[in-house]
Amino acid sequence: MPARSKKQQMAAGAALAAKRGKRSKSSLKGPSRSMAKSMSQKELRKMAKTKRKGKPTSKRKKR
């Protein structure tokens, strides 16, 4: 599943780095920490490799 915003894509990249051992898991905060716990490496890779062009900075909140 591709990322829906730039922030989501960046959080997935941080979570993926932690899963691979290139970044400490304790350095993760918020969404990236929960992504690292709940998603597989394959899912994180799909989300992290999403192109940022044309994506909003953050996801719009529902009213």
PDB file of N, CA and C in Angstrom:
ATOM      1  N   MET A   1       0.843  -1.165   0.000  1.00  0.00           N
ATOM      2  CA  MET A   1       0.000   0.000   0.000  1.00  0.00           C
ATOM      3  C   MET A   1       0.890   1.231   0.000  1.00  0.00           C
ATOM      4  N   PRO A   2       0.708   2.122  -0.942  1.00  0.00           N
ATOM      5  CA  PRO A   2       1.553   3.313  -1.016  1.00  0.00           C
ATOM      6  C   PRO A   2       1.190   4.346   0.052  1.00  0.00           C
ATOM      7  N   ALA A   3       2.146   5.188   0.376  1.00  0.00           N
ATOM      8  CA  ALA A   3       1.916   6.239   1.368  1.00  0.00           C
ATOM      9  C   ALA A   3       0.959   7.280   0.812  1.00  0.00           C
ATOM     10  N   ARG A   4       0.159   7.884   1.702  1.00  0.00           N
ATOM     11  CA  ARG A   4      -0.812   8.885   1.274  1.00  0.00           C
ATOM     12  C   ARG A   4      -0.295  10.307   1.447  1.00  0.00           C
ATOM     13  N   SER A   5       0.837  10.486   2.138  1.00  0.00           N
ATOM     14  CA  SER A   5       1.400  11.814   2.331  1.00  0.00           C
ATOM     15  C   SER A   5       2.919  11.711   2.482  1.00  0.00           C
ATOM     16  N   LYS A   6       3.583  12.870   2.408  1.00  0.00           N
ATOM     17  CA  LYS A   6       5.042  12.905   2.555  1.00  0.00           C
ATOM     18  C   LYS A   6       5.459  12.476   3.962  1.00  0.00           C
ATOM     19  N   LYS A   7       4.719  12.923   4.956  1.00  0.00           N
ATOM     20  CA  LYS A   7       5.048  12.565   6.340  1.00  0.00           C
ATOM     21  C   LYS A   7       4.909  11.066   6.576  1.00  0.00           C
ATOM     22  N   GLN A   8       3.880  10.471   5.996  1.00  0.00           N
ATOM     23  CA  GLN A   8       3.666   9.032   6.145  1.00  0.00           C
ATOM     24  C   GLN A   8       4.801   8.260   5.477  1.00  0.00           C
ATOM     25  N   GLN A   9       5.256   8.738   4.335  1.00  0.00           N
ATOM     26  CA  GLN A   9       6.351   8.093   3.612  1.00  0.00           C
ATOM     27  C   GLN A   9       7.647   8.181   4.418  1.00  0.00           C
ATOM     28  N   MET A  10       7.886   9.340   5.026  1.00  0.00           N
ATOM     29  CA  MET A  10       9.097   9.521   5.827  1.00  0.00           C
ATOM     30  C   MET A  10       9.061   8.661   7.091  1.00  0.00           C
ATOM     31  N   ALA A  11       7.898   8.553   7.716  1.00  0.00           N
ATOM     32  CA  ALA A  11       7.752   7.721   8.914  1.00  0.00           C
ATOM     33  C   ALA A  11       7.990   6.254   8.578  1.00  0.00           C
ATOM     34  N   ALA A  12       7.501   5.829   7.421  1.00  0.00           N
ATOM     35  CA  ALA A  12       7.712   4.444   6.990  1.00  0.00           C
ATOM     36  C   ALA A  12       9.197   4.180   6.743  1.00  0.00           C
ATOM     37  N   GLY A  13       9.904   5.152   6.187  1.00  0.00           N
ATOM     38  CA  GLY A  13      11.342   5.011   5.959  1.00  0.00           C
ATOM     39  C   GLY A  13      12.113   4.876   7.261  1.00  0.00           C
ATOM     40  N   ALA A  14      11.733   5.657   8.257  1.00  0.00           N
ATOM     41  CA  ALA A  14      12.388   5.577   9.569  1.00  0.00           C
ATOM     42  C   ALA A  14      12.109   4.229  10.230  1.00  0.00           C
ATOM     43  N   ALA A  15      10.872   3.766  10.132  1.00  0.00           N
ATOM     44  CA  ALA A  15      10.505   2.470  10.718  1.00  0.00           C
ATOM     45  C   ALA A  15      11.240   1.330  10.024  1.00  0.00           C
ATOM     46  N   LEU A  16      11.384   1.433   8.715  1.00  0.00           N
ATOM     47  CA  LEU A  16      12.095   0.409   7.951  1.00  0.00           C
ATOM     48  C   LEU A  16      13.571   0.366   8.345  1.00  0.00           C
ATOM     49  N   ALA A  17      14.179   1.537   8.530  1.00  0.00           N
ATOM     50  CA  ALA A  17      15.578   1.594   8.956  1.00  0.00           C
ATOM     51  C   ALA A  17      15.754   0.930  10.323  1.00  0.00           C
ATOM     52  N   ALA A  18      14.797   1.136  11.216  1.00  0.00           N
ATOM     53  CA  ALA A  18      14.867   0.512  12.542  1.00  0.00           C
ATOM     54  C   ALA A  18      14.708  -1.002  12.440  1.00  0.00           C
ATOM     55  N   LYS A  19      13.814  -1.458  11.583  1.00  0.00           N
ATOM     56  CA  LYS A  19      13.617  -2.909  11.397  1.00  0.00           C
ATOM     57  C   LYS A  19      14.880  -3.565  10.863  1.00  0.00           C
ATOM     58  N   ARG A  20      15.589  -2.855   9.988  1.00  0.00           N
ATOM     59  CA  ARG A  20      16.809  -3.397   9.384  1.00  0.00           C
ATOM     60  C   ARG A  20      18.018  -3.262  10.302  1.00  0.00           C
ATOM     61  N   GLY A  21      17.893  -2.499  11.387  1.00  0.00           N
ATOM     62  CA  GLY A  21      18.981  -2.344  12.342  1.00  0.00           C
ATOM     63  C   GLY A  21      19.914  -1.189  12.034  1.00  0.00           C
ATOM     64  N   LYS A  22      19.535  -0.321  11.110  1.00  0.00           N
ATOM     65  CA  LYS A  22      20.374   0.821  10.757  1.00  0.00           C
ATOM     66  C   LYS A  22      20.070   2.039  11.622  1.00  0.00           C
ATOM     67  N   ARG A  23      19.031   1.933  12.426  1.00  0.00           N
ATOM     68  CA  ARG A  23      18.624   3.006  13.330  1.00  0.00           C
ATOM     69  C   ARG A  23      18.071   2.353  14.590  1.00  0.00           C
ATOM     70  N   SER A  24      18.310   2.961  15.735  1.00  0.00           N
ATOM     71  CA  SER A  24      17.829   2.343  16.976  1.00  0.00           C
ATOM     72  C   SER A  24      16.313   2.493  17.093  1.00  0.00           C
ATOM     73  N   LYS A  25      15.663   1.462  17.607  1.00  0.00           N
ATOM     74  CA  LYS A  25      14.209   1.492  17.757  1.00  0.00           C
ATOM     75  C   LYS A  25      13.785   2.515  18.807  1.00  0.00           C
ATOM     76  N   SER A  26      14.654   2.803  19.757  1.00  0.00           N
ATOM     77  CA  SER A  26      14.314   3.778  20.797  1.00  0.00           C
ATOM     78  C   SER A  26      14.292   5.211  20.261  1.00  0.00           C
ATOM     79  N   SER A  27      14.903   5.446  19.097  1.00  0.00           N
ATOM     80  CA  SER A  27      14.903   6.787  18.518  1.00  0.00           C
ATOM     81  C   SER A  27      13.609   7.099  17.771  1.00  0.00           C
ATOM     82  N   LEU A  28      12.774   6.088  17.548  1.00  0.00           N
ATOM     83  CA  LEU A  28      11.514   6.293  16.836  1.00  0.00           C
ATOM     84  C   LEU A  28      10.475   6.918  17.753  1.00  0.00           C
ATOM     85  N   LYS A  29       9.632   7.764  17.165  1.00  0.00           N
ATOM     86  CA  LYS A  29       8.566   8.413  17.927  1.00  0.00           C
ATOM     87  C   LYS A  29       7.276   8.376  17.122  1.00  0.00           C
ATOM     88  N   GLY A  30       6.168   8.387  17.816  1.00  0.00           N
ATOM     89  CA  GLY A  30       4.856   8.509  17.194  1.00  0.00           C
ATOM     90  C   GLY A  30       4.544   7.451  16.153  1.00  0.00           C
ATOM     91  N   PRO A  31       4.112   7.894  14.964  1.00  0.00           N
ATOM     92  CA  PRO A  31       3.671   6.964  13.926  1.00  0.00           C
ATOM     93  C   PRO A  31       4.747   5.976  13.472  1.00  0.00           C
ATOM     94  N   SER A  32       5.988   6.419  13.408  1.00  0.00           N
ATOM     95  CA  SER A  32       7.044   5.515  12.950  1.00  0.00           C
ATOM     96  C   SER A  32       7.254   4.367  13.933  1.00  0.00           C
ATOM     97  N   ARG A  33       7.091   4.635  15.226  1.00  0.00           N
ATOM     98  CA  ARG A  33       7.238   3.582  16.240  1.00  0.00           C
ATOM     99  C   ARG A  33       6.124   2.539  16.104  1.00  0.00           C
ATOM    100  N   SER A  34       4.896   3.003  15.924  1.00  0.00           N
ATOM    101  CA  SER A  34       3.787   2.054  15.785  1.00  0.00           C
ATOM    102  C   SER A  34       3.868   1.297  14.464  1.00  0.00           C
ATOM    103  N   MET A  35       4.365   1.944  13.411  1.00  0.00           N
ATOM    104  CA  MET A  35       4.555   1.259  12.125  1.00  0.00           C
ATOM    105  C   MET A  35       5.585   0.144  12.262  1.00  0.00           C
ATOM    106  N   ALA A  36       6.669   0.413  12.967  1.00  0.00           N
ATOM    107  CA  ALA A  36       7.728  -0.582  13.133  1.00  0.00           C
ATOM    108  C   ALA A  36       7.216  -1.814  13.871  1.00  0.00           C
ATOM    109  N   LYS A  37       6.309  -1.611  14.820  1.00  0.00           N
ATOM    110  CA  LYS A  37       5.767  -2.734  15.587  1.00  0.00           C
ATOM    111  C   LYS A  37       4.736  -3.531  14.803  1.00  0.00           C
ATOM    112  N   SER A  38       3.886  -2.842  14.054  1.00  0.00           N
ATOM    113  CA  SER A  38       2.726  -3.507  13.460  1.00  0.00           C
ATOM    114  C   SER A  38       2.885  -3.952  12.009  1.00  0.00           C
ATOM    115  N   MET A  39       3.880  -3.441  11.291  1.00  0.00           N
ATOM    116  CA  MET A  39       3.999  -3.750   9.865  1.00  0.00           C
ATOM    117  C   MET A  39       5.232  -4.598   9.573  1.00  0.00           C
ATOM    118  N   SER A  40       5.150  -5.384   8.508  1.00  0.00           N
ATOM    119  CA  SER A  40       6.290  -6.204   8.093  1.00  0.00           C
ATOM    120  C   SER A  40       7.258  -5.346   7.279  1.00  0.00           C
ATOM    121  N   GLN A  41       8.462  -5.872   7.066  1.00  0.00           N
ATOM    122  CA  GLN A  41       9.445  -5.146   6.257  1.00  0.00           C
ATOM    123  C   GLN A  41       8.935  -4.928   4.840  1.00  0.00           C
ATOM    124  N   LYS A  42       8.243  -5.908   4.307  1.00  0.00           N
ATOM    125  CA  LYS A  42       7.724  -5.805   2.940  1.00  0.00           C
ATOM    126  C   LYS A  42       6.703  -4.666   2.835  1.00  0.00           C
ATOM    127  N   GLU A  43       5.803  -4.572   3.813  1.00  0.00           N
ATOM    128  CA  GLU A  43       4.800  -3.507   3.818  1.00  0.00           C
ATOM    129  C   GLU A  43       5.455  -2.139   3.984  1.00  0.00           C
ATOM    130  N   LEU A  44       6.433  -2.057   4.883  1.00  0.00           N
ATOM    131  CA  LEU A  44       7.132  -0.791   5.105  1.00  0.00           C
ATOM    132  C   LEU A  44       7.897  -0.360   3.861  1.00  0.00           C
ATOM    133  N   ARG A  45       8.503  -1.313   3.172  1.00  0.00           N
ATOM    134  CA  ARG A  45       9.257  -0.993   1.958  1.00  0.00           C
ATOM    135  C   ARG A  45       8.338  -0.413   0.886  1.00  0.00           C
ATOM    136  N   LYS A  46       7.156  -1.011   0.722  1.00  0.00           N
ATOM    137  CA  LYS A  46       6.192  -0.497  -0.260  1.00  0.00           C
ATOM    138  C   LYS A  46       5.786   0.938   0.063  1.00  0.00           C
ATOM    139  N   MET A  47       5.582   1.211   1.344  1.00  0.00           N
ATOM    140  CA  MET A  47       5.158   2.543   1.744  1.00  0.00           C
ATOM    141  C   MET A  47       6.312   3.543   1.649  1.00  0.00           C
ATOM    142  N   ALA A  48       7.508   3.119   1.996  1.00  0.00           N
ATOM    143  CA  ALA A  48       8.658   4.016   1.998  1.00  0.00           C
ATOM    144  C   ALA A  48       9.140   4.356   0.592  1.00  0.00           C
ATOM    145  N   LYS A  49       8.911   3.477  -0.373  1.00  0.00           N
ATOM    146  CA  LYS A  49       9.406   3.749  -1.727  1.00  0.00           C
ATOM    147  C   LYS A  49       8.435   4.578  -2.567  1.00  0.00           C
ATOM    148  N   THR A  50       7.325   5.009  -1.979  1.00  0.00           N
ATOM    149  CA  THR A  50       6.356   5.858  -2.666  1.00  0.00           C
ATOM    150  C   THR A  50       7.018   7.172  -3.072  1.00  0.00           C
ATOM    151  N   LYS A  51       6.779   7.602  -4.285  1.00  0.00           N
ATOM    152  CA  LYS A  51       7.312   8.881  -4.758  1.00  0.00           C
ATOM    153  C   LYS A  51       6.608  10.025  -4.033  1.00  0.00           C
ATOM    154  N   ARG A  52       7.358  11.060  -3.671  1.00  0.00           N
ATOM    155  CA  ARG A  52       6.793  12.187  -2.925  1.00  0.00           C
ATOM    156  C   ARG A  52       6.134  13.224  -3.827  1.00  0.00           C
ATOM    157  N   LYS A  53       6.491  13.237  -5.092  1.00  0.00           N
ATOM    158  CA  LYS A  53       5.959  14.245  -6.005  1.00  0.00           C
ATOM    159  C   LYS A  53       4.437  14.130  -6.096  1.00  0.00           C
ATOM    160  N   GLY A  54       3.762  15.251  -5.894  1.00  0.00           N
ATOM    161  CA  GLY A  54       2.310  15.276  -5.982  1.00  0.00           C
ATOM    162  C   GLY A  54       1.581  14.864  -4.718  1.00  0.00           C
ATOM    163  N   LYS A  55       2.314  14.485  -3.686  1.00  0.00           N
ATOM    164  CA  LYS A  55       1.694  14.076  -2.420  1.00  0.00           C
ATOM    165  C   LYS A  55       1.544  15.298  -1.509  1.00  0.00           C
ATOM    166  N   PRO A  56       0.478  15.346  -0.720  1.00  0.00           N
ATOM    167  CA  PRO A  56       0.356  16.438   0.252  1.00  0.00           C
ATOM    168  C   PRO A  56       1.374  16.245   1.377  1.00  0.00           C
ATOM    169  N   THR A  57       1.696  17.334   2.071  1.00  0.00           N
ATOM    170  CA  THR A  57       2.648  17.245   3.173  1.00  0.00           C
ATOM    171  C   THR A  57       2.112  16.366   4.292  1.00  0.00           C
ATOM    172  N   SER A  58       0.851  16.560   4.630  1.00  0.00           N
ATOM    173  CA  SER A  58       0.233  15.722   5.654  1.00  0.00           C
ATOM    174  C   SER A  58      -1.168  15.331   5.208  1.00  0.00           C
ATOM    175  N   LYS A  59      -1.664  14.264   5.802  1.00  0.00           N
ATOM    176  CA  LYS A  59      -2.979  13.750   5.450  1.00  0.00           C
ATOM    177  C   LYS A  59      -4.064  14.669   6.008  1.00  0.00           C
ATOM    178  N   ARG A  60      -5.086  14.942   5.220  1.00  0.00           N
ATOM    179  CA  ARG A  60      -6.187  15.786   5.688  1.00  0.00           C
ATOM    180  C   ARG A  60      -7.015  15.062   6.733  1.00  0.00           C
ATOM    181  N   LYS A  61      -7.430  15.788   7.742  1.00  0.00           N
ATOM    182  CA  LYS A  61      -8.273  15.206   8.783  1.00  0.00           C
ATOM    183  C   LYS A  61      -9.725  15.231   8.326  1.00  0.00           C
ATOM    184  N   LYS A  62     -10.474  14.203   8.720  1.00  0.00           N
ATOM    185  CA  LYS A  62     -11.902  14.159   8.406  1.00  0.00           C
ATOM    186  C   LYS A  62     -12.647  15.120   9.319  1.00  0.00           C
ATOM    187  N   ARG A  63     -13.685  15.710   8.794  1.00  0.00           N
ATOM    188  CA  ARG A  63     -14.480  16.644   9.600  1.00  0.00           C
ATOM    189  C   ARG A  63     -15.593  15.946  10.298  1.00  0.00           C
TER     190      ARG A  63
END
